[in-house]
Amino acid sequence: MSEGSLKKTAITFVVGAALGAAAGFALGIFVYPYIFLADIVAADRVDDKASRKVVANGVFVHANPKDPIHYGKGKVTVYQDLVHLDPDFEVGPGPKYHVYLVPEKNVIPSTNVARTMFVDLGRLKAFKGSQNYPVPAGVDLARYESVVIWCEQFGVLISPAALKFQ
């Protein structure tokens, strides 16, 4: 084998290995939620529901109907110290989804949620079912007009719910 042929083979191997590793990583990011998390259904309950005051309600919507992957549906109930995703809640699976309180009323895909003064309530526990997220002390809920499911990894709006205050 000539030196030029050996060099060409080595370069081809390195480029192929790099492309294969990148493709495997990308595939893993998108496939992982479907394989391991899609069947998980959360079933959090609201303790002392009768004694809690409902502050607002909302309904998650499909923010971009042209995007079949990023969708959401179901209701959200906001109490004085708790955001509760109702049992009918569901979003399309994906990586690193978080629940945010956002000061904007009409959050759409072009809204720069990352630049708003949002409150991160935590990582989404499951793609379906009821879930509780405590509201940090000192947060004035009247300033936050939406609950949003946001993909932190890719900076993508998954589903917003505009709140109707009681």
Foldseek 3Di string as FASTA:
>chain_A
DDPVVVVVVVVVVVVVVVVVVVVVVVCCQFCVCVPPFQPDADEDDDPPVVPWDWFWKWWKAAQDVVDPQQTWTAMWTDTPWKIKGAQAIATRDGPFKWKKQFQDQDDHFPDQRVPTPIDTQGTDPHRGGMDMGTDDPPDDSVRGQKIFTARPVVGTTRIIIGIDTD
